[in-house]
C-alpha atoms as a PDB file:
ATOM      1  CA  MET A   1     -55.473  70.644 -18.822  1.00  0.00           C
ATOM      2  CA  GLN A   2     -58.174  71.151 -21.447  1.00  0.00           C
ATOM      3  CA  PHE A   3     -57.268  70.814 -25.118  1.00  0.00           C
ATOM      4  CA  TYR A   4     -59.356  71.662 -28.098  1.00  0.00           C
ATOM      5  CA  SER A   5     -60.330  69.093 -30.657  1.00  0.00           C
ATOM      6  CA  CYS A   6     -58.920  69.777 -34.092  1.00  0.00           C
ATOM      7  CA  PHE A   7     -59.912  69.223 -37.701  1.00  0.00           C
ATOM      8  CA  ILE A   8     -56.773  68.799 -39.841  1.00  0.00           C
ATOM      9  CA  SER A   9     -57.113  70.257 -43.343  1.00  0.00           C
ATOM     10  CA  TYR A  10     -54.510  69.083 -45.856  1.00  0.00           C
ATOM     11  CA  SER A  11     -53.863  68.115 -49.455  1.00  0.00           C
ATOM     12  CA  GLN A  12     -53.428  64.484 -50.364  1.00  0.00           C
ATOM     13  CA  HIS A  13     -49.811  65.370 -51.268  1.00  0.00           C
ATOM     14  CA  ASP A  14     -49.222  66.216 -47.598  1.00  0.00           C
ATOM     15  CA  GLU A  15     -50.949  63.127 -46.212  1.00  0.00           C
ATOM     16  CA  ARG A  16     -47.810  61.640 -44.649  1.00  0.00           C
ATOM     17  CA  PHE A  17     -47.265  64.807 -42.608  1.00  0.00           C
ATOM     18  CA  ALA A  18     -50.961  65.065 -41.697  1.00  0.00           C
ATOM     19  CA  GLN A  19     -51.048  61.449 -40.496  1.00  0.00           C
ATOM     20  CA  ARG A  20     -47.958  61.987 -38.368  1.00  0.00           C
ATOM     21  CA  LEU A  21     -49.385  65.182 -36.880  1.00  0.00           C
ATOM     22  CA  ASN A  22     -52.701  63.456 -36.194  1.00  0.00           C
ATOM     23  CA  MET A  23     -50.970  60.576 -34.437  1.00  0.00           C
ATOM     24  CA  ASP A  24     -48.759  62.880 -32.338  1.00  0.00           C
ATOM     25  CA  LEU A  25     -51.647  65.129 -31.319  1.00  0.00           C
ATOM     26  CA  ALA A  26     -53.615  62.065 -30.238  1.00  0.00           C
ATOM     27  CA  ALA A  27     -50.617  60.838 -28.221  1.00  0.00           C
ATOM     28  CA  SER A  28     -50.687  64.226 -26.458  1.00  0.00           C
ATOM     29  CA  GLY A  29     -54.360  63.895 -25.588  1.00  0.00           C
ATOM     30  CA  ILE A  30     -55.548  66.280 -28.306  1.00  0.00           C
ATOM     31  CA  ARG A  31     -58.461  64.860 -30.282  1.00  0.00           C
ATOM     32  CA  SER A  32     -58.116  65.425 -34.001  1.00  0.00           C
ATOM     33  CA  TRP A  33     -60.052  64.500 -37.123  1.00  0.00           C
ATOM     34  CA  LEU A  34     -58.323  63.382 -40.306  1.00  0.00           C
ATOM     35  CA  PHE A  35     -60.452  62.661 -43.364  1.00  0.00           C
ATOM     36  CA  ALA A  36     -58.671  59.478 -44.456  1.00  0.00           C
ATOM     37  CA  GLU A  37     -59.040  57.923 -41.014  1.00  0.00           C
ATOM     38  CA  ASP A  38     -62.169  59.437 -39.506  1.00  0.00           C
ATOM     39  CA  ALA A  39     -64.716  60.072 -42.271  1.00  0.00           C
ATOM     40  CA  LYS A  40     -67.823  57.914 -41.959  1.00  0.00           C
ATOM     41  CA  TRP A  41     -68.240  55.596 -44.892  1.00  0.00           C
ATOM     42  CA  GLY A  42     -71.363  56.052 -46.945  1.00  0.00           C
ATOM     43  CA  THR A  43     -71.879  59.714 -46.033  1.00  0.00           C
ATOM     44  CA  ALA A  44     -71.726  62.632 -48.458  1.00  0.00           C
ATOM     45  CA  VAL A  45     -68.123  63.870 -48.545  1.00  0.00           C
ATOM     46  CA  TRP A  46     -68.830  67.596 -48.110  1.00  0.00           C
ATOM     47  CA  GLY A  47     -71.536  66.987 -45.561  1.00  0.00           C
ATOM     48  CA  GLU A  48     -69.097  64.949 -43.488  1.00  0.00           C
ATOM     49  CA  ILE A  49     -66.344  67.562 -43.810  1.00  0.00           C
ATOM     50  CA  ASP A  50     -68.632  70.516 -43.035  1.00  0.00           C
ATOM     51  CA  ARG A  51     -70.054  68.694 -40.011  1.00  0.00           C
ATOM     52  CA  SER A  52     -66.561  67.904 -38.760  1.00  0.00           C
ATOM     53  CA  ILE A  53     -65.421  71.509 -39.152  1.00  0.00           C
ATOM     54  CA  ARG A  54     -68.476  72.621 -37.155  1.00  0.00           C
ATOM     55  CA  ILE A  55     -68.020  70.179 -34.274  1.00  0.00           C
ATOM     56  CA  HIS A  56     -64.248  70.498 -33.800  1.00  0.00           C
ATOM     57  CA  ASP A  57     -62.986  73.528 -31.939  1.00  0.00           C
ATOM     58  CA  LYS A  58     -60.002  74.296 -34.165  1.00  0.00           C
ATOM     59  CA  VAL A  59     -59.057  73.855 -37.805  1.00  0.00           C
ATOM     60  CA  ILE A  60     -55.368  73.201 -38.366  1.00  0.00           C
ATOM     61  CA  VAL A  61     -54.698  73.957 -42.010  1.00  0.00           C
ATOM     62  CA  VAL A  62     -51.519  72.516 -43.483  1.00  0.00           C
ATOM     63  CA  CYS A  63     -50.221  75.286 -45.750  1.00  0.00           C
ATOM     64  CA  SER A  64     -48.073  74.055 -48.614  1.00  0.00           C
ATOM     65  CA  ARG A  65     -47.815  74.653 -52.335  1.00  0.00           C
ATOM     66  CA  TRP A  66     -50.092  71.647 -52.758  1.00  0.00           C
ATOM     67  CA  SER A  67     -52.755  72.420 -50.184  1.00  0.00           C
ATOM     68  CA  LEU A  68     -53.132  76.074 -51.089  1.00  0.00           C
ATOM     69  CA  LYS A  69     -53.953  75.021 -54.666  1.00  0.00           C
ATOM     70  CA  SER A  70     -56.488  72.444 -53.477  1.00  0.00           C
ATOM     71  CA  MET A  71     -60.124  73.515 -53.812  1.00  0.00           C
ATOM     72  CA  PRO A  72     -61.215  71.376 -50.831  1.00  0.00           C
ATOM     73  CA  VAL A  73     -58.553  72.943 -48.572  1.00  0.00           C
ATOM     74  CA  LEU A  74     -59.500  76.452 -49.749  1.00  0.00           C
ATOM     75  CA  ARG A  75     -63.122  75.660 -48.937  1.00  0.00           C
ATOM     76  CA  GLU A  76     -62.110  74.435 -45.472  1.00  0.00           C
ATOM     77  CA  ILE A  77     -60.138  77.653 -44.854  1.00  0.00           C
ATOM     78  CA  GLU A  78     -63.210  79.648 -45.851  1.00  0.00           C
ATOM     79  CA  ARG A  79     -65.451  77.617 -43.520  1.00  0.00           C
ATOM     80  CA  ALA A  80     -63.044  78.132 -40.605  1.00  0.00           C
ATOM     81  CA  LEU A  81     -62.802  81.887 -41.211  1.00  0.00           C
ATOM     82  CA  GLN A  82     -66.590  82.132 -41.464  1.00  0.00           C
ATOM     83  CA  ARG A  83     -66.826  80.405 -38.076  1.00  0.00           C
ATOM     84  CA  GLU A  84     -64.379  82.914 -36.626  1.00  0.00           C
ATOM     85  CA  ASP A  85     -66.526  85.779 -37.890  1.00  0.00           C
ATOM     86  CA  ARG A  86     -69.703  84.174 -36.576  1.00  0.00           C
ATOM     87  CA  GLU A  87     -68.400  82.986 -33.203  1.00  0.00           C
ATOM     88  CA  HIS A  88     -65.863  85.760 -32.497  1.00  0.00           C
ATOM     89  CA  ARG A  89     -63.117  83.348 -31.507  1.00  0.00           C
ATOM     90  CA  GLU A  90     -59.941  81.818 -32.920  1.00  0.00           C
ATOM     91  CA  VAL A  91     -60.672  78.762 -35.056  1.00  0.00           C
ATOM     92  CA  LEU A  92     -58.021  78.636 -37.804  1.00  0.00           C
ATOM     93  CA  PHE A  93     -54.494  77.519 -36.899  1.00  0.00           C
ATOM     94  CA  PRO A  94     -52.296  77.647 -40.034  1.00  0.00           C
ATOM     95  CA  VAL A  95     -49.076  75.632 -40.108  1.00  0.00           C
ATOM     96  CA  ARG A  96     -46.708  75.683 -43.056  1.00  0.00           C
ATOM     97  CA  LEU A  97     -44.558  73.084 -44.753  1.00  0.00           C
ATOM     98  CA  ASP A  98     -42.914  75.563 -47.118  1.00  0.00           C
ATOM     99  CA  ASN A  99     -42.943  79.309 -47.857  1.00  0.00           C
ATOM    100  CA  TYR A 100     -45.671  79.170 -50.522  1.00  0.00           C
ATOM    101  CA  VAL A 101     -48.245  80.820 -48.224  1.00  0.00           C
ATOM    102  CA  PHE A 102     -45.962  83.864 -47.926  1.00  0.00           C
ATOM    103  CA  ASP A 103     -44.239  84.032 -51.298  1.00  0.00           C
ATOM    104  CA  ARG A 104     -46.560  82.774 -54.025  1.00  0.00           C
ATOM    105  CA  TRP A 105     -50.107  82.222 -52.774  1.00  0.00           C
ATOM    106  CA  GLU A 106     -52.636  84.603 -54.274  1.00  0.00           C
ATOM    107  CA  HIS A 107     -56.077  84.378 -52.735  1.00  0.00           C
ATOM    108  CA  PRO A 108     -58.722  86.804 -51.411  1.00  0.00           C
ATOM    109  CA  ARG A 109     -58.363  85.296 -47.893  1.00  0.00           C
ATOM    110  CA  LYS A 110     -54.552  85.477 -47.809  1.00  0.00           C
ATOM    111  CA  ALA A 111     -54.556  88.547 -45.550  1.00  0.00           C
ATOM    112  CA  ASP A 112     -56.903  86.783 -43.107  1.00  0.00           C
ATOM    113  CA  VAL A 113     -54.649  83.731 -42.937  1.00  0.00           C
ATOM    114  CA  LEU A 114     -51.461  85.785 -42.624  1.00  0.00           C
ATOM    115  CA  ALA A 115     -53.029  87.918 -39.885  1.00  0.00           C
ATOM    116  CA  LYS A 116     -52.294  84.868 -37.735  1.00  0.00           C
ATOM    117  CA  VAL A 117     -48.946  83.527 -36.595  1.00  0.00           C
ATOM    118  CA  VAL A 118     -48.275  80.693 -39.026  1.00  0.00           C
ATOM    119  CA  GLY A 119     -46.635  77.676 -37.377  1.00  0.00           C
ATOM    120  CA  ASP A 120     -43.416  76.504 -39.008  1.00  0.00           C
ATOM    121  CA  PHE A 121     -43.194  72.805 -39.813  1.00  0.00           C
ATOM    122  CA  SER A 122     -40.967  73.411 -42.866  1.00  0.00           C
ATOM    123  CA  LYS A 123     -38.290  71.093 -41.428  1.00  0.00           C
ATOM    124  CA  TRP A 124     -40.748  68.424 -40.284  1.00  0.00           C
ATOM    125  CA  LYS A 125     -38.616  65.590 -41.663  1.00  0.00           C
ATOM    126  CA  THR A 126     -35.876  66.470 -39.161  1.00  0.00           C
ATOM    127  CA  PRO A 127     -36.873  64.914 -35.816  1.00  0.00           C
ATOM    128  CA  LYS A 128     -35.623  67.738 -33.587  1.00  0.00           C
ATOM    129  CA  SER A 129     -37.235  70.460 -35.723  1.00  0.00           C
ATOM    130  CA  TYR A 130     -40.511  68.541 -35.931  1.00  0.00           C
ATOM    131  CA  LEU A 131     -40.642  68.030 -32.175  1.00  0.00           C
ATOM    132  CA  THR A 132     -39.935  71.726 -31.551  1.00  0.00           C
ATOM    133  CA  ALA A 133     -42.761  72.752 -33.907  1.00  0.00           C
ATOM    134  CA  LEU A 134     -45.128  70.129 -32.453  1.00  0.00           C
ATOM    135  CA  ASN A 135     -44.463  71.378 -28.924  1.00  0.00           C
ATOM    136  CA  ARG A 136     -45.162  74.967 -30.002  1.00  0.00           C
ATOM    137  CA  LEU A 137     -48.433  73.883 -31.637  1.00  0.00           C
ATOM    138  CA  ARG A 138     -49.490  71.972 -28.518  1.00  0.00           C
ATOM    139  CA  GLU A 139     -48.593  74.985 -26.380  1.00  0.00           C
ATOM    140  CA  SER A 140     -50.620  77.274 -28.654  1.00  0.00           C
ATOM    141  CA  LEU A 141     -53.619  74.959 -28.464  1.00  0.00           C
ATOM    142  CA  THR A 142     -53.267  74.834 -24.695  1.00  0.00           C
ATOM    143  CA  LYS A 143     -53.141  78.632 -24.438  1.00  0.00           C
ATOM    144  CA  ALA A 144     -56.092  78.934 -26.798  1.00  0.00           C
ATOM    145  CA  ALA A 145     -58.058  76.581 -24.582  1.00  0.00           C
ATOM    146  CA  THR A 146     -57.521  78.713 -21.491  1.00  0.00           C
ATOM    147  CA  ALA A 147     -57.232  82.254 -22.872  1.00  0.00           C
ATOM    148  CA  PRO A 148     -60.098  84.710 -23.327  1.00  0.00           C
ATOM    149  CA  THR A 149     -61.159  84.925 -26.948  1.00  0.00           C
ATOM    150  CA  SER A 150     -60.719  87.920 -29.184  1.00  0.00           C
ATOM    151  CA  VAL A 151     -61.055  87.793 -32.954  1.00  0.00           C
END
């Protein structure tokens, strides 16, 4: 089974969740890139991030009240959506930790993000709920790897 490689976009406030997701994706055979663990020392920060967004097939953006106020995360969302427009394929996979993306987030790209099914990790601290959401994400990545593209 082919899986995509994923860039995980997150706010520092959500680092514990992002590290757990990264570890669990890797355990499932899904390559993922997490800034804190995978950035090359000595390289320009934005050059490293932009390069990583370009070379990984998917961008999983962790949507929370913290990340959607983070300029770096907003830039990463923009880069992923630009890739979708350019390559005519699904790149951005939003997952949420709270309802901020639906209820309070105001941004010009909100409609583009909400045009996608947003994965629900809002109960990620509960083992059963986390595992259910993780399995759905893995299934979605699997389907994306084998399905024809249409953006």
